[in-house]
Amino acid sequence: MPEDYHLYSAYASKGIVEIEGTTMKYTAPETAAADIIYFSYYQDAVLKGFSRFYVNRDTKGDVNGDGDVDIADAVCIVNYVVGKPNTTFIEAAAEANGDGDIDIADAVHIVNYVVGKISALAPRSEMNMADPE
């Protein structure tokens, strides 16, 4: 946010948000949960915009964090793999096929999910992570 902008209001669905100058302080609920923080910002007395961002999100496949698993998420993975990552890239969500790597296979897996060829993305418990030994 530009230096001459200031926050006016902010609230969260589950946690508590406090505004301290140009900074937001977020206090998470006692039980870990995905949350959304909504806020507005001004320049002088002119509203410049509203925005939101997600907290504690680890939704498999929602690579860009917009709340939906769609083709845009597969594109984010392709951009990441070729070295041109988007500004929002959630690594934990990008590993969609459960093989432990972020690669083109994850993008294909998301596409297959979006078009209905598969009914679910790999849950964390099914990920084949390398043995730490």
N, C-alpha and C. Protein backbone atom coordinates (compact mmCIF):
# COMPACT_ATOMS: atom_id res chain seq x y z
N MET A 1 0.85 -1.16 0.00
CA MET A 1 0.00 0.00 0.00
C MET A 1 0.91 1.24 0.00
N PRO A 2 0.62 2.22 -0.82
CA PRO A 2 1.44 3.44 -0.85
C PRO A 2 1.50 4.12 0.52
N GLU A 3 2.58 4.82 0.77
CA GLU A 3 2.80 5.47 2.07
C GLU A 3 1.72 6.49 2.43
N ASP A 4 1.13 7.17 1.45
CA ASP A 4 0.13 8.19 1.76
C ASP A 4 -1.29 7.63 1.91
N TYR A 5 -1.44 6.31 1.81
CA TYR A 5 -2.73 5.67 2.07
C TYR A 5 -2.81 5.34 3.56
N HIS A 6 -4.02 5.22 4.07
CA HIS A 6 -4.19 4.77 5.45
C HIS A 6 -5.38 3.84 5.53
N LEU A 7 -5.32 2.97 6.50
CA LEU A 7 -6.41 2.03 6.72
C LEU A 7 -7.53 2.72 7.45
N TYR A 8 -8.75 2.38 7.09
CA TYR A 8 -9.88 3.00 7.74
C TYR A 8 -10.62 1.97 8.61
N SER A 9 -10.94 0.84 8.03
CA SER A 9 -11.63 -0.19 8.79
C SER A 9 -11.11 -1.55 8.38
N ALA A 10 -11.19 -2.47 9.31
CA ALA A 10 -10.78 -3.85 9.04
C ALA A 10 -11.50 -4.76 10.01
N TYR A 11 -11.89 -5.90 9.51
CA TYR A 11 -12.51 -6.90 10.38
C TYR A 11 -12.23 -8.28 9.81
N ALA A 12 -12.35 -9.29 10.66
CA ALA A 12 -12.13 -10.67 10.26
C ALA A 12 -13.38 -11.49 10.54
N SER A 13 -13.51 -12.59 9.84
CA SER A 13 -14.66 -13.46 10.04
C SER A 13 -14.59 -14.17 11.39
N LYS A 14 -13.38 -14.52 11.83
CA LYS A 14 -13.24 -15.30 13.07
C LYS A 14 -12.29 -14.68 14.08
N GLY A 15 -11.21 -14.09 13.63
CA GLY A 15 -10.24 -13.49 14.54
C GLY A 15 -10.57 -12.04 14.82
N ILE A 16 -9.62 -11.35 15.45
CA ILE A 16 -9.80 -9.95 15.80
C ILE A 16 -8.75 -9.13 15.06
N VAL A 17 -9.17 -8.03 14.45
CA VAL A 17 -8.25 -7.16 13.71
C VAL A 17 -8.27 -5.79 14.36
N GLU A 18 -7.08 -5.26 14.62
CA GLU A 18 -6.94 -3.90 15.14
C GLU A 18 -6.08 -3.11 14.17
N ILE A 19 -6.42 -1.84 13.98
CA ILE A 19 -5.64 -0.97 13.11
C ILE A 19 -4.74 -0.12 13.98
N GLU A 20 -3.45 -0.13 13.65
CA GLU A 20 -2.47 0.70 14.34
C GLU A 20 -1.74 1.51 13.28
N GLY A 21 -2.23 2.69 12.98
CA GLY A 21 -1.63 3.53 11.93
C GLY A 21 -1.87 2.90 10.58
N THR A 22 -0.79 2.54 9.91
CA THR A 22 -0.93 1.89 8.60
C THR A 22 -0.73 0.38 8.70
N THR A 23 -0.82 -0.14 9.91
CA THR A 23 -0.60 -1.56 10.15
C THR A 23 -1.84 -2.21 10.73
N MET A 24 -2.11 -3.43 10.29
CA MET A 24 -3.18 -4.21 10.89
C MET A 24 -2.56 -5.24 11.81
N LYS A 25 -3.16 -5.42 12.98
CA LYS A 25 -2.74 -6.45 13.91
C LYS A 25 -3.86 -7.48 13.97
N TYR A 26 -3.53 -8.73 13.65
CA TYR A 26 -4.51 -9.80 13.63
C TYR A 26 -4.27 -10.74 14.79
N THR A 27 -5.32 -11.03 15.54
CA THR A 27 -5.26 -12.01 16.62
C THR A 27 -6.15 -13.17 16.21
N ALA A 28 -5.54 -14.33 16.05
CA ALA A 28 -6.26 -15.51 15.59
C ALA A 28 -7.15 -16.06 16.71
N PRO A 29 -8.21 -16.77 16.32
CA PRO A 29 -9.04 -17.41 17.33
C PRO A 29 -8.25 -18.53 18.02
N GLU A 30 -8.71 -18.96 19.18
CA GLU A 30 -8.00 -19.99 19.94
C GLU A 30 -7.85 -21.28 19.14
N THR A 31 -8.88 -21.66 18.43
CA THR A 31 -8.84 -22.85 17.60
C THR A 31 -8.42 -22.44 16.20
N ALA A 32 -7.38 -23.08 15.67
CA ALA A 32 -6.90 -22.73 14.34
C ALA A 32 -8.01 -22.89 13.32
N ALA A 33 -8.16 -21.90 12.47
CA ALA A 33 -9.20 -21.93 11.45
C ALA A 33 -8.81 -21.02 10.31
N ALA A 34 -9.28 -21.36 9.12
CA ALA A 34 -9.10 -20.45 7.99
C ALA A 34 -9.94 -19.21 8.26
N ASP A 35 -9.42 -18.05 7.92
CA ASP A 35 -10.12 -16.81 8.19
C ASP A 35 -9.91 -15.86 7.02
N ILE A 36 -10.76 -14.87 6.93
CA ILE A 36 -10.64 -13.84 5.91
C ILE A 36 -10.65 -12.48 6.59
N ILE A 37 -9.67 -11.64 6.24
CA ILE A 37 -9.62 -10.28 6.77
C ILE A 37 -10.05 -9.33 5.65
N TYR A 38 -11.04 -8.50 5.94
CA TYR A 38 -11.55 -7.51 5.00
C TYR A 38 -11.09 -6.14 5.48
N PHE A 39 -10.67 -5.27 4.55
CA PHE A 39 -10.26 -3.93 4.97
C PHE A 39 -10.46 -2.92 3.85
N SER A 40 -10.53 -1.65 4.25
CA SER A 40 -10.64 -0.56 3.29
C SER A 40 -9.50 0.41 3.54
N TYR A 41 -9.12 1.13 2.49
CA TYR A 41 -8.02 2.08 2.63
C TYR A 41 -8.33 3.37 1.87
N TYR A 42 -7.78 4.45 2.40
CA TYR A 42 -8.06 5.80 1.91
C TYR A 42 -6.78 6.55 1.61
N GLN A 43 -6.90 7.57 0.78
CA GLN A 43 -5.85 8.57 0.58
C GLN A 43 -6.54 9.89 0.86
N ASP A 44 -6.05 10.60 1.86
CA ASP A 44 -6.74 11.78 2.37
C ASP A 44 -8.15 11.34 2.77
N ALA A 45 -9.19 11.94 2.24
CA ALA A 45 -10.56 11.54 2.59
C ALA A 45 -11.22 10.75 1.47
N VAL A 46 -10.42 10.26 0.51
CA VAL A 46 -10.96 9.58 -0.65
C VAL A 46 -10.74 8.07 -0.53
N LEU A 47 -11.83 7.32 -0.60
CA LEU A 47 -11.76 5.86 -0.57
C LEU A 47 -11.00 5.39 -1.81
N LYS A 48 -9.94 4.62 -1.61
CA LYS A 48 -9.15 4.10 -2.72
C LYS A 48 -9.44 2.63 -3.01
N GLY A 49 -10.00 1.93 -2.04
CA GLY A 49 -10.34 0.55 -2.34
C GLY A 49 -10.66 -0.29 -1.13
N PHE A 50 -11.16 -1.47 -1.43
CA PHE A 50 -11.43 -2.50 -0.45
C PHE A 50 -10.59 -3.70 -0.83
N SER A 51 -10.24 -4.50 0.13
CA SER A 51 -9.49 -5.70 -0.19
C SER A 51 -9.75 -6.76 0.86
N ARG A 52 -9.20 -7.92 0.62
CA ARG A 52 -9.29 -9.00 1.60
C ARG A 52 -8.07 -9.89 1.43
N PHE A 53 -7.73 -10.58 2.47
CA PHE A 53 -6.75 -11.62 2.33
C PHE A 53 -7.06 -12.74 3.29
N TYR A 54 -6.52 -13.89 2.97
CA TYR A 54 -6.83 -15.10 3.71
C TYR A 54 -5.73 -15.40 4.71
N VAL A 55 -6.13 -15.92 5.86
CA VAL A 55 -5.20 -16.27 6.92
C VAL A 55 -5.36 -17.76 7.20
N ASN A 56 -4.24 -18.44 7.41
CA ASN A 56 -4.25 -19.86 7.77
C ASN A 56 -4.92 -20.72 6.70
N ARG A 57 -4.78 -20.32 5.46
CA ARG A 57 -5.38 -21.10 4.37
C ARG A 57 -4.39 -22.12 3.88
N ASP A 58 -4.82 -23.31 3.77
CA ASP A 58 -4.00 -24.37 3.19
C ASP A 58 -4.92 -25.28 2.39
N THR A 59 -5.82 -24.70 1.62
CA THR A 59 -6.77 -25.46 0.85
C THR A 59 -6.05 -26.05 -0.36
N LYS A 60 -6.00 -27.34 -0.41
CA LYS A 60 -5.31 -28.03 -1.49
C LYS A 60 -5.87 -27.58 -2.84
N GLY A 61 -4.99 -27.14 -3.73
CA GLY A 61 -5.37 -26.74 -5.07
C GLY A 61 -5.64 -25.26 -5.25
N ASP A 62 -5.96 -24.54 -4.17
CA ASP A 62 -6.24 -23.10 -4.29
C ASP A 62 -4.91 -22.34 -4.22
N VAL A 63 -4.14 -22.47 -5.26
CA VAL A 63 -2.76 -21.97 -5.31
C VAL A 63 -2.69 -20.44 -5.23
N ASN A 64 -3.65 -19.75 -5.83
CA ASN A 64 -3.61 -18.29 -5.83
C ASN A 64 -4.39 -17.68 -4.66
N GLY A 65 -5.00 -18.52 -3.82
CA GLY A 65 -5.64 -18.04 -2.61
C GLY A 65 -6.91 -17.23 -2.81
N ASP A 66 -7.59 -17.44 -3.94
CA ASP A 66 -8.81 -16.66 -4.19
C ASP A 66 -10.08 -17.34 -3.70
N GLY A 67 -9.94 -18.50 -3.08
CA GLY A 67 -11.10 -19.20 -2.54
C GLY A 67 -11.70 -20.24 -3.46
N ASP A 68 -11.20 -20.35 -4.69
CA ASP A 68 -11.70 -21.32 -5.65
C ASP A 68 -10.55 -22.15 -6.21
N VAL A 69 -10.83 -23.41 -6.48
CA VAL A 69 -9.87 -24.25 -7.21
C VAL A 69 -10.34 -24.25 -8.66
N ASP A 70 -9.53 -23.63 -9.53
CA ASP A 70 -9.91 -23.49 -10.92
C ASP A 70 -8.68 -23.48 -11.81
N ILE A 71 -8.89 -23.26 -13.10
CA ILE A 71 -7.79 -23.29 -14.07
C ILE A 71 -6.72 -22.25 -13.73
N ALA A 72 -7.11 -21.13 -13.14
CA ALA A 72 -6.12 -20.11 -12.76
C ALA A 72 -5.08 -20.68 -11.80
N ASP A 73 -5.47 -21.62 -10.96
CA ASP A 73 -4.51 -22.24 -10.04
C ASP A 73 -3.51 -23.11 -10.79
N ALA A 74 -3.99 -23.83 -11.81
CA ALA A 74 -3.08 -24.63 -12.63
C ALA A 74 -2.10 -23.72 -13.36
N VAL A 75 -2.57 -22.58 -13.85
CA VAL A 75 -1.69 -21.62 -14.52
C VAL A 75 -0.64 -21.09 -13.55
N CYS A 76 -1.02 -20.84 -12.31
CA CYS A 76 -0.04 -20.39 -11.29
C CYS A 76 1.08 -21.40 -11.12
N ILE A 77 0.72 -22.68 -11.12
CA ILE A 77 1.75 -23.72 -10.98
C ILE A 77 2.66 -23.74 -12.19
N VAL A 78 2.10 -23.66 -13.38
CA VAL A 78 2.92 -23.64 -14.60
C VAL A 78 3.88 -22.45 -14.55
N ASN A 79 3.38 -21.28 -14.18
CA ASN A 79 4.25 -20.09 -14.08
C ASN A 79 5.35 -20.31 -13.06
N TYR A 80 5.03 -20.92 -11.95
CA TYR A 80 6.02 -21.22 -10.90
C TYR A 80 7.11 -22.16 -11.43
N VAL A 81 6.67 -23.21 -12.12
CA VAL A 81 7.62 -24.21 -12.64
C VAL A 81 8.56 -23.60 -13.67
N VAL A 82 8.07 -22.69 -14.51
CA VAL A 82 8.92 -22.08 -15.54
C VAL A 82 9.66 -20.84 -15.02
N GLY A 83 9.54 -20.56 -13.72
CA GLY A 83 10.31 -19.47 -13.12
C GLY A 83 9.66 -18.11 -13.17
N LYS A 84 8.37 -18.06 -13.41
CA LYS A 84 7.65 -16.78 -13.44
C LYS A 84 6.46 -16.84 -12.49
N PRO A 85 6.72 -16.96 -11.18
CA PRO A 85 5.62 -17.12 -10.23
C PRO A 85 4.75 -15.87 -10.12
N ASN A 86 3.46 -16.09 -9.84
CA ASN A 86 2.54 -14.98 -9.60
C ASN A 86 2.85 -14.37 -8.25
N THR A 87 2.30 -13.20 -7.96
CA THR A 87 2.55 -12.57 -6.68
C THR A 87 1.95 -13.37 -5.54
N THR A 88 0.82 -14.03 -5.77
CA THR A 88 0.25 -14.89 -4.74
C THR A 88 0.45 -16.32 -5.17
N PHE A 89 1.22 -17.07 -4.38
CA PHE A 89 1.50 -18.47 -4.68
C PHE A 89 1.61 -19.20 -3.36
N ILE A 90 0.64 -20.05 -3.06
CA ILE A 90 0.63 -20.79 -1.81
C ILE A 90 1.21 -22.17 -2.06
N GLU A 91 2.47 -22.35 -1.65
CA GLU A 91 3.18 -23.60 -1.94
C GLU A 91 2.46 -24.82 -1.40
N ALA A 92 1.97 -24.76 -0.17
CA ALA A 92 1.30 -25.91 0.42
C ALA A 92 0.07 -26.32 -0.38
N ALA A 93 -0.59 -25.39 -1.01
CA ALA A 93 -1.77 -25.69 -1.82
C ALA A 93 -1.38 -26.20 -3.20
N ALA A 94 -0.18 -25.85 -3.66
CA ALA A 94 0.26 -26.21 -5.01
C ALA A 94 0.61 -27.69 -5.15
N GLU A 95 1.00 -28.32 -4.08
CA GLU A 95 1.36 -29.74 -4.13
C GLU A 95 0.05 -30.54 -4.08
N ALA A 96 -0.64 -30.59 -5.22
CA ALA A 96 -2.01 -31.09 -5.29
C ALA A 96 -2.15 -32.59 -5.53
N ASN A 97 -1.13 -33.24 -6.06
CA ASN A 97 -1.29 -34.65 -6.40
C ASN A 97 -0.71 -35.60 -5.36
N GLY A 98 -0.07 -35.08 -4.32
CA GLY A 98 0.40 -35.91 -3.22
C GLY A 98 1.73 -36.59 -3.42
N ASP A 99 2.51 -36.19 -4.43
CA ASP A 99 3.80 -36.87 -4.64
C ASP A 99 4.97 -36.17 -3.96
N GLY A 100 4.71 -35.04 -3.30
CA GLY A 100 5.77 -34.34 -2.57
C GLY A 100 6.52 -33.29 -3.36
N ASP A 101 6.24 -33.16 -4.67
CA ASP A 101 6.90 -32.19 -5.53
C ASP A 101 5.88 -31.21 -6.09
N ILE A 102 6.33 -29.99 -6.36
CA ILE A 102 5.49 -29.04 -7.09
C ILE A 102 6.00 -29.02 -8.51
N ASP A 103 5.18 -29.55 -9.42
CA ASP A 103 5.58 -29.65 -10.81
C ASP A 103 4.34 -29.63 -11.72
N ILE A 104 4.58 -29.82 -13.01
CA ILE A 104 3.50 -29.78 -13.98
C ILE A 104 2.43 -30.83 -13.68
N ALA A 105 2.82 -31.94 -13.08
CA ALA A 105 1.85 -32.98 -12.73
C ALA A 105 0.79 -32.44 -11.77
N ASP A 106 1.16 -31.51 -10.91
CA ASP A 106 0.18 -30.89 -10.01
C ASP A 106 -0.81 -30.03 -10.80
N ALA A 107 -0.32 -29.30 -11.79
CA ALA A 107 -1.20 -28.50 -12.63
C ALA A 107 -2.18 -29.39 -13.38
N VAL A 108 -1.70 -30.48 -13.93
CA VAL A 108 -2.57 -31.42 -14.65
C VAL A 108 -3.59 -32.02 -13.68
N HIS A 109 -3.17 -32.33 -12.47
CA HIS A 109 -4.07 -32.89 -11.46
C HIS A 109 -5.20 -31.90 -11.15
N ILE A 110 -4.86 -30.62 -11.02
CA ILE A 110 -5.88 -29.61 -10.76
C ILE A 110 -6.84 -29.49 -11.94
N VAL A 111 -6.31 -29.50 -13.16
CA VAL A 111 -7.18 -29.45 -14.34
C VAL A 111 -8.13 -30.64 -14.34
N ASN A 112 -7.61 -31.84 -14.06
CA ASN A 112 -8.47 -33.02 -14.01
C ASN A 112 -9.56 -32.88 -12.95
N TYR A 113 -9.24 -32.25 -11.84
CA TYR A 113 -10.23 -32.00 -10.79
C TYR A 113 -11.29 -31.00 -11.28
N VAL A 114 -10.84 -29.93 -11.90
CA VAL A 114 -11.76 -28.88 -12.36
C VAL A 114 -12.74 -29.42 -13.41
N VAL A 115 -12.26 -30.24 -14.32
CA VAL A 115 -13.13 -30.78 -15.37
C VAL A 115 -13.91 -32.02 -14.93
N GLY A 116 -13.70 -32.46 -13.70
CA GLY A 116 -14.48 -33.57 -13.15
C GLY A 116 -13.95 -34.96 -13.39
N LYS A 117 -12.71 -35.08 -13.89
CA LYS A 117 -12.13 -36.41 -14.12
C LYS A 117 -11.77 -37.09 -12.80
N ILE A 118 -11.45 -36.30 -11.77
CA ILE A 118 -11.21 -36.83 -10.43
C ILE A 118 -12.08 -36.04 -9.46
N SER A 119 -12.42 -36.66 -8.34
CA SER A 119 -13.37 -36.01 -7.42
C SER A 119 -12.71 -35.31 -6.24
N ALA A 120 -11.41 -35.52 -6.03
CA ALA A 120 -10.75 -34.88 -4.89
C ALA A 120 -9.27 -34.69 -5.18
N LEU A 121 -8.70 -33.70 -4.53
CA LEU A 121 -7.26 -33.48 -4.60
C LEU A 121 -6.63 -34.21 -3.42
N ALA A 122 -5.33 -34.45 -3.48
CA ALA A 122 -4.64 -35.23 -2.45
C ALA A 122 -4.72 -34.55 -1.09
N PRO A 123 -5.33 -35.20 -0.11
CA PRO A 123 -5.30 -34.63 1.24
C PRO A 123 -3.90 -34.74 1.83
N ARG A 124 -3.58 -33.89 2.78
CA ARG A 124 -2.25 -33.89 3.39
C ARG A 124 -1.86 -35.26 3.92
N SER A 125 -2.77 -35.99 4.51
CA SER A 125 -2.44 -37.27 5.11
C SER A 125 -2.01 -38.30 4.08
N GLU A 126 -2.35 -38.09 2.81
CA GLU A 126 -2.00 -39.04 1.76
C GLU A 126 -0.74 -38.64 1.00
N MET A 127 -0.12 -37.54 1.40
CA MET A 127 1.06 -37.08 0.67
C MET A 127 2.23 -38.03 0.91
N ASN A 128 2.95 -38.34 -0.14
CA ASN A 128 4.11 -39.22 -0.05
C ASN A 128 5.37 -38.39 0.18
N MET A 129 5.51 -37.90 1.39
CA MET A 129 6.66 -37.06 1.70
C MET A 129 7.89 -37.96 1.91
N ALA A 130 9.05 -37.42 1.58
CA ALA A 130 10.29 -38.19 1.74
C ALA A 130 10.52 -38.51 3.22
N ASP A 131 11.06 -39.67 3.47
CA ASP A 131 11.39 -40.10 4.83
C ASP A 131 12.48 -39.20 5.39
N PRO A 132 12.29 -38.62 6.60
CA PRO A 132 13.27 -37.68 7.13
C PRO A 132 14.59 -38.31 7.52
N GLU A 133 14.72 -39.63 7.51
CA GLU A 133 15.97 -40.26 7.92
C GLU A 133 17.03 -40.18 6.90
